[in-house]
Amino acid sequence: MLATSRSAERLSPSALHCSQDLASTPETAFALICEVEKWPVWLSCLRSARLLEPERPFGIGSEVALRGKLAGDEEELYEVDQFLEGHIVSLVGAYSIRRRIDFRIERKSDRSKLVVRLDYPSYGGALGALIDRMTARRRLDRALVDSLVHFKGLVEFQRAAPDELLADF
């Protein structure tokens, strides 16, 4: 698949956005973000995540298959369209450029900040958008907040005991 460039204008104003300060270096936090198979451990809205070509290094053009937690959710394909080592991983839906997941790490001296943005289309016009805001988007927003708290715990635990982090996965 062809990797495309992204501009901030393409992100809708209704995208979900959440951030979390971390008592961890940006390098440690970014390394955990790059471990795609471990996303369901901390990203609670996912049931599974896998790289389609795990032998290739993770970066621009990498394809990722994600399956949500809702019953009957099919695997969705995403492609990394922006990757800046230690700073940004941005995925775009393989079949819809309106589906997007952005992870950004900001350096704050020896600490860091994780910023996550999720964007997906809602169909059905104004009524469909209203129903989505009252149901799925509200649950997803809460799950995103909880997920960043889980990420904070994992990355800060990794700093304290790196050999024990997710050893059984």
C-alpha atoms as a PDB file:
ATOM      1  CA  MET A   1       0.000   0.000   0.000  1.00  0.00           C
ATOM      2  CA  LEU A   2       1.057   3.525  -0.678  1.00  0.00           C
ATOM      3  CA  ALA A   3       1.928   5.625   2.341  1.00  0.00           C
ATOM      4  CA  THR A   4       0.300   9.037   2.190  1.00  0.00           C
ATOM      5  CA  SER A   5       1.204  12.281   3.853  1.00  0.00           C
ATOM      6  CA  ARG A   6      -1.181  13.796   6.343  1.00  0.00           C
ATOM      7  CA  SER A   7      -2.200  17.303   7.196  1.00  0.00           C
ATOM      8  CA  ALA A   8      -3.973  18.521  10.304  1.00  0.00           C
ATOM      9  CA  GLU A   9      -6.874  19.784   8.180  1.00  0.00           C
ATOM     10  CA  ARG A  10      -7.954  16.224   7.339  1.00  0.00           C
ATOM     11  CA  LEU A  11      -8.693  15.422  10.973  1.00  0.00           C
ATOM     12  CA  SER A  12     -12.273  16.139  11.896  1.00  0.00           C
ATOM     13  CA  PRO A  13     -13.046  18.387  14.852  1.00  0.00           C
ATOM     14  CA  SER A  14     -15.128  15.539  16.316  1.00  0.00           C
ATOM     15  CA  ALA A  15     -12.082  13.268  16.709  1.00  0.00           C
ATOM     16  CA  LEU A  16     -11.485  11.878  20.189  1.00  0.00           C
ATOM     17  CA  HIS A  17      -8.416  13.339  21.839  1.00  0.00           C
ATOM     18  CA  CYS A  18      -6.732  12.410  25.119  1.00  0.00           C
ATOM     19  CA  SER A  19      -3.335  12.969  26.728  1.00  0.00           C
ATOM     20  CA  GLN A  20      -1.427  11.651  29.728  1.00  0.00           C
ATOM     21  CA  ASP A  21       1.751  12.871  31.437  1.00  0.00           C
ATOM     22  CA  LEU A  22       4.274  10.074  32.007  1.00  0.00           C
ATOM     23  CA  ALA A  23       7.097   9.731  34.508  1.00  0.00           C
ATOM     24  CA  SER A  24       9.148   8.071  31.804  1.00  0.00           C
ATOM     25  CA  THR A  25      11.548   9.019  29.063  1.00  0.00           C
ATOM     26  CA  PRO A  26      10.066   9.570  25.605  1.00  0.00           C
ATOM     27  CA  GLU A  27      12.231   6.743  24.245  1.00  0.00           C
ATOM     28  CA  THR A  28      10.750   4.215  26.686  1.00  0.00           C
ATOM     29  CA  ALA A  29       7.189   5.341  25.985  1.00  0.00           C
ATOM     30  CA  PHE A  30       7.718   5.288  22.216  1.00  0.00           C
ATOM     31  CA  ALA A  31       9.222   1.801  22.386  1.00  0.00           C
ATOM     32  CA  LEU A  32       6.043   0.537  24.079  1.00  0.00           C
ATOM     33  CA  ILE A  33       3.885   2.204  21.410  1.00  0.00           C
ATOM     34  CA  CYS A  34       5.888   0.426  18.699  1.00  0.00           C
ATOM     35  CA  GLU A  35       5.052  -2.983  20.219  1.00  0.00           C
ATOM     36  CA  VAL A  36       1.824  -3.356  18.231  1.00  0.00           C
ATOM     37  CA  GLU A  37       0.956  -6.833  19.524  1.00  0.00           C
ATOM     38  CA  LYS A  38       0.808  -5.422  23.072  1.00  0.00           C
ATOM     39  CA  TRP A  39      -1.687  -2.661  22.260  1.00  0.00           C
ATOM     40  CA  PRO A  40      -4.700  -4.692  23.541  1.00  0.00           C
ATOM     41  CA  VAL A  41      -2.965  -4.935  26.937  1.00  0.00           C
ATOM     42  CA  TRP A  42      -3.273  -1.193  27.476  1.00  0.00           C
ATOM     43  CA  LEU A  43      -5.648   0.008  24.715  1.00  0.00           C
ATOM     44  CA  SER A  44      -8.873  -1.356  26.164  1.00  0.00           C
ATOM     45  CA  CYS A  45     -11.030  -0.797  23.059  1.00  0.00           C
ATOM     46  CA  LEU A  46      -9.034  -3.456  21.148  1.00  0.00           C
ATOM     47  CA  ARG A  47      -9.366  -7.228  21.270  1.00  0.00           C
ATOM     48  CA  SER A  48      -6.329  -7.893  19.057  1.00  0.00           C
ATOM     49  CA  ALA A  49      -3.615  -6.071  17.138  1.00  0.00           C
ATOM     50  CA  ARG A  50      -0.996  -7.555  14.848  1.00  0.00           C
ATOM     51  CA  LEU A  51       1.510  -6.534  12.216  1.00  0.00           C
ATOM     52  CA  LEU A  52       0.798  -8.169   8.870  1.00  0.00           C
ATOM     53  CA  GLU A  53       4.526  -8.444   8.136  1.00  0.00           C
ATOM     54  CA  PRO A  54       6.203  -8.816  11.550  1.00  0.00           C
ATOM     55  CA  GLU A  55       9.601  -9.542   9.999  1.00  0.00           C
ATOM     56  CA  ARG A  56       9.766  -5.985   8.597  1.00  0.00           C
ATOM     57  CA  PRO A  57      10.748  -3.107  10.885  1.00  0.00           C
ATOM     58  CA  PHE A  58       7.799  -1.078  12.160  1.00  0.00           C
ATOM     59  CA  GLY A  59       7.584   2.233  10.297  1.00  0.00           C
ATOM     60  CA  ILE A  60       6.006   3.986   7.322  1.00  0.00           C
ATOM     61  CA  GLY A  61       4.112   1.530   5.179  1.00  0.00           C
ATOM     62  CA  SER A  62       3.707  -1.082   7.925  1.00  0.00           C
ATOM     63  CA  GLU A  63       0.264  -2.673   7.854  1.00  0.00           C
ATOM     64  CA  VAL A  64      -1.597  -3.355  11.091  1.00  0.00           C
ATOM     65  CA  ALA A  65      -4.745  -5.443  11.589  1.00  0.00           C
ATOM     66  CA  LEU A  66      -6.933  -4.332  14.521  1.00  0.00           C
ATOM     67  CA  ARG A  67     -10.051  -5.961  15.957  1.00  0.00           C
ATOM     68  CA  GLY A  68     -12.307  -4.017  18.316  1.00  0.00           C
ATOM     69  CA  LYS A  69     -13.988  -5.354  21.446  1.00  0.00           C
ATOM     70  CA  LEU A  70     -17.537  -5.186  20.116  1.00  0.00           C
ATOM     71  CA  ALA A  71     -19.028  -8.572  19.305  1.00  0.00           C
ATOM     72  CA  GLY A  72     -18.885  -9.242  15.598  1.00  0.00           C
ATOM     73  CA  ASP A  73     -16.249  -6.618  14.888  1.00  0.00           C
ATOM     74  CA  GLU A  74     -14.263  -7.610  11.849  1.00  0.00           C
ATOM     75  CA  GLU A  75     -10.544  -7.054  11.626  1.00  0.00           C
ATOM     76  CA  GLU A  76      -9.783  -3.619  10.197  1.00  0.00           C
ATOM     77  CA  LEU A  77      -6.620  -2.884   8.266  1.00  0.00           C
ATOM     78  CA  TYR A  78      -4.557   0.221   8.927  1.00  0.00           C
ATOM     79  CA  GLU A  79      -1.335   1.499   7.410  1.00  0.00           C
ATOM     80  CA  VAL A  80       1.331   3.600   9.113  1.00  0.00           C
ATOM     81  CA  ASP A  81       1.390   6.791   7.063  1.00  0.00           C
ATOM     82  CA  GLN A  82       3.479   8.921   9.390  1.00  0.00           C
ATOM     83  CA  PHE A  83       6.344   7.722  11.558  1.00  0.00           C
ATOM     84  CA  LEU A  84       8.936   9.858  13.277  1.00  0.00           C
ATOM     85  CA  GLU A  85      11.230   7.782  15.490  1.00  0.00           C
ATOM     86  CA  GLY A  86      10.680   8.620  19.146  1.00  0.00           C
ATOM     87  CA  HIS A  87       7.816  11.011  18.426  1.00  0.00           C
ATOM     88  CA  ILE A  88       4.905  10.024  16.109  1.00  0.00           C
ATOM     89  CA  VAL A  89       3.074   6.926  14.909  1.00  0.00           C
ATOM     90  CA  SER A  90       0.052   7.682  12.761  1.00  0.00           C
ATOM     91  CA  LEU A  91      -2.193   5.047  11.204  1.00  0.00           C
ATOM     92  CA  VAL A  92      -4.806   5.525   8.510  1.00  0.00           C
ATOM     93  CA  GLY A  93      -7.552   3.070   7.573  1.00  0.00           C
ATOM     94  CA  ALA A  94      -6.617   0.982   4.541  1.00  0.00           C
ATOM     95  CA  TYR A  95     -10.129   1.277   3.115  1.00  0.00           C
ATOM     96  CA  SER A  96     -11.184   4.631   4.554  1.00  0.00           C
ATOM     97  CA  ILE A  97      -8.857   7.572   5.070  1.00  0.00           C
ATOM     98  CA  ARG A  98     -11.413   8.930   7.529  1.00  0.00           C
ATOM     99  CA  ARG A  99     -10.373   6.239  10.042  1.00  0.00           C
ATOM    100  CA  ARG A 100      -7.251   7.398  11.827  1.00  0.00           C
ATOM    101  CA  ILE A 101      -5.270   6.657  14.983  1.00  0.00           C
ATOM    102  CA  ASP A 102      -2.457   8.992  16.021  1.00  0.00           C
ATOM    103  CA  PHE A 103       0.036   8.459  18.846  1.00  0.00           C
ATOM    104  CA  ARG A 104       2.377  11.332  19.687  1.00  0.00           C
ATOM    105  CA  ILE A 105       5.043  11.497  22.381  1.00  0.00           C
ATOM    106  CA  GLU A 106       6.111  14.930  23.589  1.00  0.00           C
ATOM    107  CA  ARG A 107       9.392  15.396  25.471  1.00  0.00           C
ATOM    108  CA  LYS A 108       9.232  17.197  28.805  1.00  0.00           C
ATOM    109  CA  SER A 109      12.838  16.977  30.082  1.00  0.00           C
ATOM    110  CA  ASP A 110      13.192  13.459  31.577  1.00  0.00           C
ATOM    111  CA  ARG A 111       9.407  13.050  31.507  1.00  0.00           C
ATOM    112  CA  SER A 112       7.074  12.778  28.547  1.00  0.00           C
ATOM    113  CA  LYS A 113       3.468  13.212  27.479  1.00  0.00           C
ATOM    114  CA  LEU A 114       1.441  10.789  25.379  1.00  0.00           C
ATOM    115  CA  VAL A 115      -1.217  12.302  23.128  1.00  0.00           C
ATOM    116  CA  VAL A 116      -3.664   9.974  21.345  1.00  0.00           C
ATOM    117  CA  ARG A 117      -6.216  10.991  18.754  1.00  0.00           C
ATOM    118  CA  LEU A 118      -8.870   8.640  17.305  1.00  0.00           C
ATOM    119  CA  ASP A 119     -10.980   9.634  14.354  1.00  0.00           C
ATOM    120  CA  TYR A 120     -13.644   7.631  12.572  1.00  0.00           C
ATOM    121  CA  PRO A 121     -16.643   8.537  10.441  1.00  0.00           C
ATOM    122  CA  SER A 122     -20.210   8.343  11.631  1.00  0.00           C
ATOM    123  CA  TYR A 123     -22.781   7.622   8.966  1.00  0.00           C
ATOM    124  CA  GLY A 124     -26.458   8.460   8.698  1.00  0.00           C
ATOM    125  CA  GLY A 125     -26.291  12.252   8.525  1.00  0.00           C
ATOM    126  CA  ALA A 126     -27.027  14.463  11.512  1.00  0.00           C
ATOM    127  CA  LEU A 127     -29.182  11.833  13.211  1.00  0.00           C
ATOM    128  CA  GLY A 128     -26.477   9.164  12.820  1.00  0.00           C
ATOM    129  CA  ALA A 129     -23.845  11.548  14.205  1.00  0.00           C
ATOM    130  CA  LEU A 130     -26.067  12.382  17.189  1.00  0.00           C
ATOM    131  CA  ILE A 131     -26.712   8.718  17.969  1.00  0.00           C
ATOM    132  CA  ASP A 132     -22.973   7.982  17.642  1.00  0.00           C
ATOM    133  CA  ARG A 133     -22.086  10.829  20.044  1.00  0.00           C
ATOM    134  CA  MET A 134     -24.582   9.531  22.609  1.00  0.00           C
ATOM    135  CA  THR A 135     -23.560   5.869  22.411  1.00  0.00           C
ATOM    136  CA  ALA A 136     -20.376   4.520  20.831  1.00  0.00           C
ATOM    137  CA  ARG A 137     -18.304   7.714  20.904  1.00  0.00           C
ATOM    138  CA  ARG A 138     -19.048   8.280  24.597  1.00  0.00           C
ATOM    139  CA  ARG A 139     -17.953   4.717  25.490  1.00  0.00           C
ATOM    140  CA  LEU A 140     -14.876   5.003  23.281  1.00  0.00           C
ATOM    141  CA  ASP A 141     -13.924   8.324  24.879  1.00  0.00           C
ATOM    142  CA  ARG A 142     -14.113   6.771  28.359  1.00  0.00           C
ATOM    143  CA  ALA A 143     -12.132   3.725  27.190  1.00  0.00           C
ATOM    144  CA  LEU A 144      -9.447   6.013  25.745  1.00  0.00           C
ATOM    145  CA  VAL A 145      -9.037   7.858  29.048  1.00  0.00           C
ATOM    146  CA  ASP A 146      -8.772   4.535  30.908  1.00  0.00           C
ATOM    147  CA  SER A 147      -6.337   3.184  28.311  1.00  0.00           C
ATOM    148  CA  LEU A 148      -3.903   6.038  28.802  1.00  0.00           C
ATOM    149  CA  VAL A 149      -3.944   5.408  32.541  1.00  0.00           C
ATOM    150  CA  HIS A 150      -3.083   1.752  31.797  1.00  0.00           C
ATOM    151  CA  PHE A 151      -0.301   2.873  29.440  1.00  0.00           C
ATOM    152  CA  LYS A 152       1.063   5.171  32.154  1.00  0.00           C
ATOM    153  CA  GLY A 153       1.168   2.278  34.613  1.00  0.00           C
ATOM    154  CA  LEU A 154       2.915  -0.022  32.116  1.00  0.00           C
ATOM    155  CA  VAL A 155       5.529   2.468  30.975  1.00  0.00           C
ATOM    156  CA  GLU A 156       6.300   3.634  34.491  1.00  0.00           C
ATOM    157  CA  PHE A 157       6.465   0.034  35.726  1.00  0.00           C
ATOM    158  CA  GLN A 158       8.814  -0.718  32.826  1.00  0.00           C
ATOM    159  CA  ARG A 159      11.096   2.024  34.077  1.00  0.00           C
ATOM    160  CA  ALA A 160      11.147   0.442  37.547  1.00  0.00           C
ATOM    161  CA  ALA A 161      11.451  -3.233  36.469  1.00  0.00           C
ATOM    162  CA  PRO A 162      12.021  -3.555  32.698  1.00  0.00           C
ATOM    163  CA  ASP A 163      12.616  -7.335  32.712  1.00  0.00           C
ATOM    164  CA  GLU A 164       9.238  -8.107  34.278  1.00  0.00           C
ATOM    165  CA  LEU A 165       7.022  -5.995  31.997  1.00  0.00           C
ATOM    166  CA  LEU A 166       4.558  -8.230  30.156  1.00  0.00           C
ATOM    167  CA  ALA A 167       6.894 -11.210  30.505  1.00  0.00           C
ATOM    168  CA  ASP A 168       4.016 -13.656  30.179  1.00  0.00           C
ATOM    169  CA  PHE A 169       2.796 -12.245  26.829  1.00  0.00           C
END
